[in-house]
Amino acid sequence: MCGKNCNSEKQWQGHISSEKHKEKVFHTEDDQYCWQHRFPTGYFSICDRYMNGTCTEGSSCKFAHGNAELHEWEERRDALKMKLNKARKDHLIAPNDNDFGKYSFLFKDLN
């Protein structure tokens, strides 16, 4: 996956716990082309202020701006969970590792 060769189990564990490795586990080249909305924030509900036309936070808003964005966020969360499960099955993520940086909020219910 990363093209990384490790000479020991300790070196391998260090590599798979790195932020760079985790980013490769969750990100693919196609991601930038298949998603149209913002990256999910962890709040999987629609912004009431947006629906009323009064949200001034724009892309900084932590809530989805409409049904289409919320639906995509839910799809992305499901896709990321599948990537995590596959990575754990393939021993590309340590079984007890629950620190995923910007992706951590997506997996709160898996811990």
N, C-alpha and C. Protein backbone atom coordinates (compact mmCIF):
# COMPACT_ATOMS: atom_id res chain seq x y z
N MET A 1 0.82 -1.20 0.00
CA MET A 1 0.00 0.00 0.00
C MET A 1 0.86 1.26 0.00
N CYS A 2 1.80 1.32 0.91
CA CYS A 2 2.66 2.49 1.02
C CYS A 2 4.00 2.29 0.31
N GLY A 3 4.32 1.07 -0.01
CA GLY A 3 5.64 0.79 -0.57
C GLY A 3 6.70 0.79 0.51
N LYS A 4 6.31 0.62 1.75
CA LYS A 4 7.23 0.67 2.89
C LYS A 4 7.69 -0.74 3.24
N ASN A 5 8.97 -0.93 3.37
CA ASN A 5 9.55 -2.19 3.82
C ASN A 5 10.04 -2.01 5.24
N CYS A 6 9.63 -2.91 6.10
CA CYS A 6 10.04 -2.84 7.51
C CYS A 6 10.86 -4.07 7.86
N ASN A 7 11.87 -3.87 8.67
CA ASN A 7 12.77 -4.95 9.04
C ASN A 7 12.38 -5.64 10.34
N SER A 8 11.43 -5.08 11.05
CA SER A 8 11.03 -5.68 12.33
C SER A 8 9.56 -5.36 12.60
N GLU A 9 8.99 -6.12 13.52
CA GLU A 9 7.60 -5.89 13.94
C GLU A 9 7.46 -4.52 14.58
N LYS A 10 8.46 -4.11 15.36
CA LYS A 10 8.42 -2.80 16.02
C LYS A 10 8.41 -1.69 14.98
N GLN A 11 9.23 -1.82 13.95
CA GLN A 11 9.28 -0.82 12.89
C GLN A 11 7.93 -0.78 12.14
N TRP A 12 7.35 -1.95 11.88
CA TRP A 12 6.05 -2.03 11.21
C TRP A 12 4.97 -1.35 12.04
N GLN A 13 4.95 -1.65 13.35
CA GLN A 13 3.95 -1.04 14.23
C GLN A 13 4.10 0.49 14.26
N GLY A 14 5.33 0.94 14.25
CA GLY A 14 5.57 2.39 14.19
C GLY A 14 5.04 3.00 12.91
N HIS A 15 5.26 2.30 11.81
CA HIS A 15 4.79 2.80 10.52
C HIS A 15 3.26 2.85 10.45
N ILE A 16 2.59 1.75 10.83
CA ILE A 16 1.13 1.73 10.68
C ILE A 16 0.42 2.65 11.66
N SER A 17 1.12 3.13 12.67
CA SER A 17 0.50 4.08 13.60
C SER A 17 0.78 5.54 13.20
N SER A 18 1.53 5.74 12.12
CA SER A 18 1.85 7.11 11.70
C SER A 18 0.66 7.77 10.99
N GLU A 19 0.58 9.10 11.12
CA GLU A 19 -0.49 9.86 10.47
C GLU A 19 -0.43 9.70 8.95
N LYS A 20 0.77 9.68 8.40
CA LYS A 20 0.93 9.55 6.95
C LYS A 20 0.34 8.23 6.45
N HIS A 21 0.59 7.15 7.17
CA HIS A 21 0.05 5.85 6.78
C HIS A 21 -1.47 5.85 6.89
N LYS A 22 -1.99 6.38 7.98
CA LYS A 22 -3.45 6.40 8.18
C LYS A 22 -4.13 7.22 7.09
N GLU A 23 -3.52 8.30 6.69
CA GLU A 23 -4.10 9.11 5.61
C GLU A 23 -4.20 8.28 4.33
N LYS A 24 -3.18 7.47 4.05
CA LYS A 24 -3.22 6.61 2.86
C LYS A 24 -4.30 5.55 2.97
N VAL A 25 -4.54 5.05 4.18
CA VAL A 25 -5.58 4.04 4.38
C VAL A 25 -6.95 4.62 4.02
N PHE A 26 -7.21 5.85 4.45
CA PHE A 26 -8.53 6.44 4.28
C PHE A 26 -8.73 7.21 2.98
N HIS A 27 -7.67 7.62 2.34
CA HIS A 27 -7.78 8.48 1.16
C HIS A 27 -7.38 7.72 -0.10
N THR A 28 -8.15 7.92 -1.15
CA THR A 28 -7.79 7.37 -2.46
C THR A 28 -7.80 8.51 -3.47
N GLU A 29 -7.13 8.31 -4.58
CA GLU A 29 -7.07 9.33 -5.62
C GLU A 29 -8.45 9.72 -6.13
N ASP A 30 -9.36 8.76 -6.17
CA ASP A 30 -10.71 9.02 -6.69
C ASP A 30 -11.57 9.85 -5.75
N ASP A 31 -11.17 9.99 -4.50
CA ASP A 31 -11.99 10.72 -3.53
C ASP A 31 -12.31 12.14 -4.00
N GLN A 32 -11.34 12.80 -4.59
CA GLN A 32 -11.56 14.18 -5.00
C GLN A 32 -12.54 14.30 -6.16
N TYR A 33 -12.78 13.22 -6.86
CA TYR A 33 -13.68 13.26 -8.01
C TYR A 33 -15.08 12.73 -7.72
N CYS A 34 -15.22 11.88 -6.70
CA CYS A 34 -16.52 11.27 -6.47
C CYS A 34 -17.35 12.02 -5.44
N TRP A 35 -16.76 12.91 -4.66
CA TRP A 35 -17.51 13.66 -3.66
C TRP A 35 -17.69 15.10 -4.11
N GLN A 36 -18.87 15.64 -3.90
CA GLN A 36 -19.15 16.99 -4.36
C GLN A 36 -19.28 18.00 -3.23
N HIS A 37 -19.48 17.52 -2.01
CA HIS A 37 -19.71 18.42 -0.88
C HIS A 37 -18.52 18.46 0.06
N ARG A 38 -18.64 19.27 1.08
CA ARG A 38 -17.56 19.42 2.08
C ARG A 38 -17.29 18.09 2.78
N PHE A 39 -16.12 17.99 3.38
CA PHE A 39 -15.78 16.83 4.21
C PHE A 39 -16.68 16.87 5.44
N PRO A 40 -17.22 15.73 5.86
CA PRO A 40 -18.11 15.72 7.03
C PRO A 40 -17.43 16.26 8.28
N THR A 41 -18.24 16.88 9.11
CA THR A 41 -17.71 17.49 10.34
C THR A 41 -17.93 16.62 11.57
N GLY A 42 -18.77 15.61 11.46
CA GLY A 42 -19.09 14.79 12.61
C GLY A 42 -20.48 15.06 13.17
N TYR A 43 -21.13 16.11 12.69
CA TYR A 43 -22.50 16.44 13.09
C TYR A 43 -23.41 16.08 11.93
N PHE A 44 -24.02 14.91 12.00
CA PHE A 44 -24.79 14.38 10.89
C PHE A 44 -26.26 14.79 10.99
N SER A 45 -26.47 16.10 10.85
CA SER A 45 -27.82 16.65 10.79
C SER A 45 -27.76 17.93 9.96
N ILE A 46 -28.92 18.37 9.54
CA ILE A 46 -29.01 19.55 8.67
C ILE A 46 -29.06 20.82 9.51
N CYS A 47 -28.38 21.84 9.05
CA CYS A 47 -28.32 23.14 9.72
C CYS A 47 -29.69 23.83 9.60
N ASP A 48 -30.30 24.07 10.75
CA ASP A 48 -31.60 24.76 10.76
C ASP A 48 -31.49 26.17 10.20
N ARG A 49 -30.38 26.84 10.54
CA ARG A 49 -30.20 28.22 10.05
C ARG A 49 -30.04 28.23 8.53
N TYR A 50 -29.36 27.23 7.99
CA TYR A 50 -29.23 27.14 6.53
C TYR A 50 -30.60 26.98 5.88
N MET A 51 -31.41 26.10 6.46
CA MET A 51 -32.74 25.85 5.91
C MET A 51 -33.63 27.11 5.98
N ASN A 52 -33.36 27.96 6.98
CA ASN A 52 -34.11 29.22 7.11
C ASN A 52 -33.47 30.36 6.33
N GLY A 53 -32.31 30.06 5.69
CA GLY A 53 -31.61 31.09 4.92
C GLY A 53 -30.83 32.07 5.77
N THR A 54 -30.50 31.68 7.02
CA THR A 54 -29.82 32.61 7.92
C THR A 54 -28.44 32.14 8.38
N CYS A 55 -27.92 31.04 7.84
CA CYS A 55 -26.59 30.57 8.26
C CYS A 55 -25.52 31.45 7.63
N THR A 56 -24.70 32.01 8.50
CA THR A 56 -23.63 32.90 8.02
C THR A 56 -22.26 32.23 8.09
N GLU A 57 -22.21 30.97 8.53
CA GLU A 57 -20.93 30.29 8.71
C GLU A 57 -20.38 29.70 7.41
N GLY A 58 -21.21 29.52 6.41
CA GLY A 58 -20.75 28.98 5.13
C GLY A 58 -20.07 27.64 5.29
N SER A 59 -18.89 27.50 4.71
CA SER A 59 -18.18 26.21 4.75
C SER A 59 -17.61 25.89 6.14
N SER A 60 -17.65 26.85 7.06
CA SER A 60 -17.20 26.60 8.43
C SER A 60 -18.30 26.01 9.30
N CYS A 61 -19.52 25.97 8.81
CA CYS A 61 -20.63 25.43 9.58
C CYS A 61 -20.42 23.95 9.80
N LYS A 62 -20.69 23.49 11.04
CA LYS A 62 -20.47 22.09 11.36
C LYS A 62 -21.62 21.19 10.94
N PHE A 63 -22.72 21.77 10.51
CA PHE A 63 -23.88 20.99 10.09
C PHE A 63 -24.00 20.97 8.57
N ALA A 64 -24.70 19.96 8.07
CA ALA A 64 -24.89 19.81 6.63
C ALA A 64 -25.80 20.93 6.10
N HIS A 65 -25.47 21.40 4.92
CA HIS A 65 -26.28 22.42 4.26
C HIS A 65 -27.15 21.76 3.20
N GLY A 66 -28.18 21.10 3.68
CA GLY A 66 -29.16 20.48 2.81
C GLY A 66 -29.12 18.96 2.84
N ASN A 67 -30.17 18.37 2.28
CA ASN A 67 -30.31 16.91 2.26
C ASN A 67 -29.22 16.23 1.44
N ALA A 68 -28.84 16.84 0.32
CA ALA A 68 -27.83 16.23 -0.55
C ALA A 68 -26.49 16.13 0.18
N GLU A 69 -26.10 17.19 0.87
CA GLU A 69 -24.83 17.16 1.60
C GLU A 69 -24.90 16.15 2.75
N LEU A 70 -25.99 16.13 3.48
CA LEU A 70 -26.14 15.16 4.57
C LEU A 70 -26.07 13.73 4.05
N HIS A 71 -26.74 13.47 2.95
CA HIS A 71 -26.71 12.13 2.37
C HIS A 71 -25.29 11.74 1.96
N GLU A 72 -24.56 12.67 1.35
CA GLU A 72 -23.18 12.38 0.96
C GLU A 72 -22.30 12.14 2.19
N TRP A 73 -22.50 12.92 3.24
CA TRP A 73 -21.72 12.72 4.47
C TRP A 73 -21.94 11.33 5.02
N GLU A 74 -23.19 10.87 5.00
CA GLU A 74 -23.49 9.53 5.50
C GLU A 74 -22.84 8.46 4.62
N GLU A 75 -22.85 8.68 3.30
CA GLU A 75 -22.18 7.74 2.39
C GLU A 75 -20.68 7.72 2.64
N ARG A 76 -20.09 8.89 2.84
CA ARG A 76 -18.66 8.97 3.10
C ARG A 76 -18.30 8.26 4.40
N ARG A 77 -19.12 8.46 5.42
CA ARG A 77 -18.87 7.80 6.70
C ARG A 77 -18.89 6.28 6.51
N ASP A 78 -19.88 5.78 5.77
CA ASP A 78 -19.97 4.34 5.52
C ASP A 78 -18.76 3.83 4.73
N ALA A 79 -18.34 4.60 3.73
CA ALA A 79 -17.18 4.21 2.92
C ALA A 79 -15.91 4.19 3.78
N LEU A 80 -15.75 5.17 4.65
CA LEU A 80 -14.58 5.22 5.53
C LEU A 80 -14.59 4.08 6.53
N LYS A 81 -15.77 3.72 7.03
CA LYS A 81 -15.86 2.59 7.96
C LYS A 81 -15.46 1.30 7.26
N MET A 82 -15.86 1.14 6.00
CA MET A 82 -15.47 -0.06 5.25
C MET A 82 -13.95 -0.09 5.05
N LYS A 83 -13.36 1.07 4.76
CA LYS A 83 -11.90 1.13 4.60
C LYS A 83 -11.20 0.77 5.90
N LEU A 84 -11.73 1.25 7.02
CA LEU A 84 -11.14 0.93 8.32
C LEU A 84 -11.23 -0.57 8.60
N ASN A 85 -12.39 -1.14 8.38
CA ASN A 85 -12.57 -2.58 8.63
C ASN A 85 -11.63 -3.41 7.77
N LYS A 86 -11.49 -3.05 6.50
CA LYS A 86 -10.58 -3.77 5.60
C LYS A 86 -9.14 -3.61 6.05
N ALA A 87 -8.75 -2.39 6.43
CA ALA A 87 -7.39 -2.14 6.89
C ALA A 87 -7.07 -2.95 8.15
N ARG A 88 -8.03 -3.04 9.05
CA ARG A 88 -7.81 -3.85 10.27
C ARG A 88 -7.70 -5.33 9.92
N LYS A 89 -8.57 -5.79 9.02
CA LYS A 89 -8.54 -7.19 8.61
C LYS A 89 -7.21 -7.54 7.94
N ASP A 90 -6.68 -6.60 7.15
CA ASP A 90 -5.42 -6.80 6.44
C ASP A 90 -4.20 -6.44 7.29
N HIS A 91 -4.42 -6.14 8.56
CA HIS A 91 -3.36 -5.78 9.51
C HIS A 91 -2.60 -4.53 9.08
N LEU A 92 -3.31 -3.59 8.45
CA LEU A 92 -2.71 -2.31 8.07
C LEU A 92 -2.98 -1.24 9.11
N ILE A 93 -3.82 -1.56 10.07
CA ILE A 93 -4.11 -0.70 11.23
C ILE A 93 -4.08 -1.63 12.44
N ALA A 94 -3.42 -1.21 13.49
CA ALA A 94 -3.37 -2.03 14.71
C ALA A 94 -4.78 -2.17 15.29
N PRO A 95 -5.12 -3.36 15.78
CA PRO A 95 -6.48 -3.60 16.28
C PRO A 95 -6.90 -2.69 17.43
N ASN A 96 -5.95 -2.23 18.22
CA ASN A 96 -6.26 -1.38 19.36
C ASN A 96 -6.04 0.11 19.07
N ASP A 97 -5.77 0.46 17.82
CA ASP A 97 -5.52 1.85 17.45
C ASP A 97 -6.85 2.53 17.12
N ASN A 98 -7.19 3.55 17.89
CA ASN A 98 -8.42 4.30 17.67
C ASN A 98 -8.16 5.79 17.46
N ASP A 99 -6.91 6.15 17.16
CA ASP A 99 -6.56 7.55 16.92
C ASP A 99 -6.41 7.76 15.42
N PHE A 100 -7.39 8.41 14.83
CA PHE A 100 -7.39 8.58 13.38
C PHE A 100 -7.38 10.04 12.95
N GLY A 101 -6.88 10.91 13.80
CA GLY A 101 -6.77 12.31 13.43
C GLY A 101 -8.09 12.90 12.99
N LYS A 102 -8.11 13.51 11.81
CA LYS A 102 -9.32 14.19 11.34
C LYS A 102 -10.47 13.22 11.07
N TYR A 103 -10.19 11.93 11.03
CA TYR A 103 -11.23 10.93 10.79
C TYR A 103 -11.80 10.36 12.09
N SER A 104 -11.23 10.69 13.24
CA SER A 104 -11.61 10.07 14.51
C SER A 104 -13.09 10.20 14.82
N PHE A 105 -13.68 11.35 14.57
CA PHE A 105 -15.08 11.55 14.92
C PHE A 105 -16.01 10.62 14.14
N LEU A 106 -15.56 10.15 13.00
CA LEU A 106 -16.41 9.27 12.19
C LEU A 106 -16.58 7.90 12.82
N PHE A 107 -15.69 7.54 13.73
CA PHE A 107 -15.67 6.18 14.25
C PHE A 107 -15.99 6.12 15.75
N LYS A 108 -16.56 7.16 16.30
CA LYS A 108 -16.87 7.16 17.73
C LYS A 108 -17.70 5.95 18.14
N ASP A 109 -18.64 5.54 17.29
CA ASP A 109 -19.52 4.43 17.63
C ASP A 109 -18.86 3.06 17.45
N LEU A 110 -17.64 3.01 16.93
CA LEU A 110 -16.94 1.74 16.75
C LEU A 110 -16.07 1.39 17.94
N ASN A 111 -15.77 2.34 18.79
CA ASN A 111 -14.84 2.11 19.91
C ASN A 111 -15.46 1.28 21.00
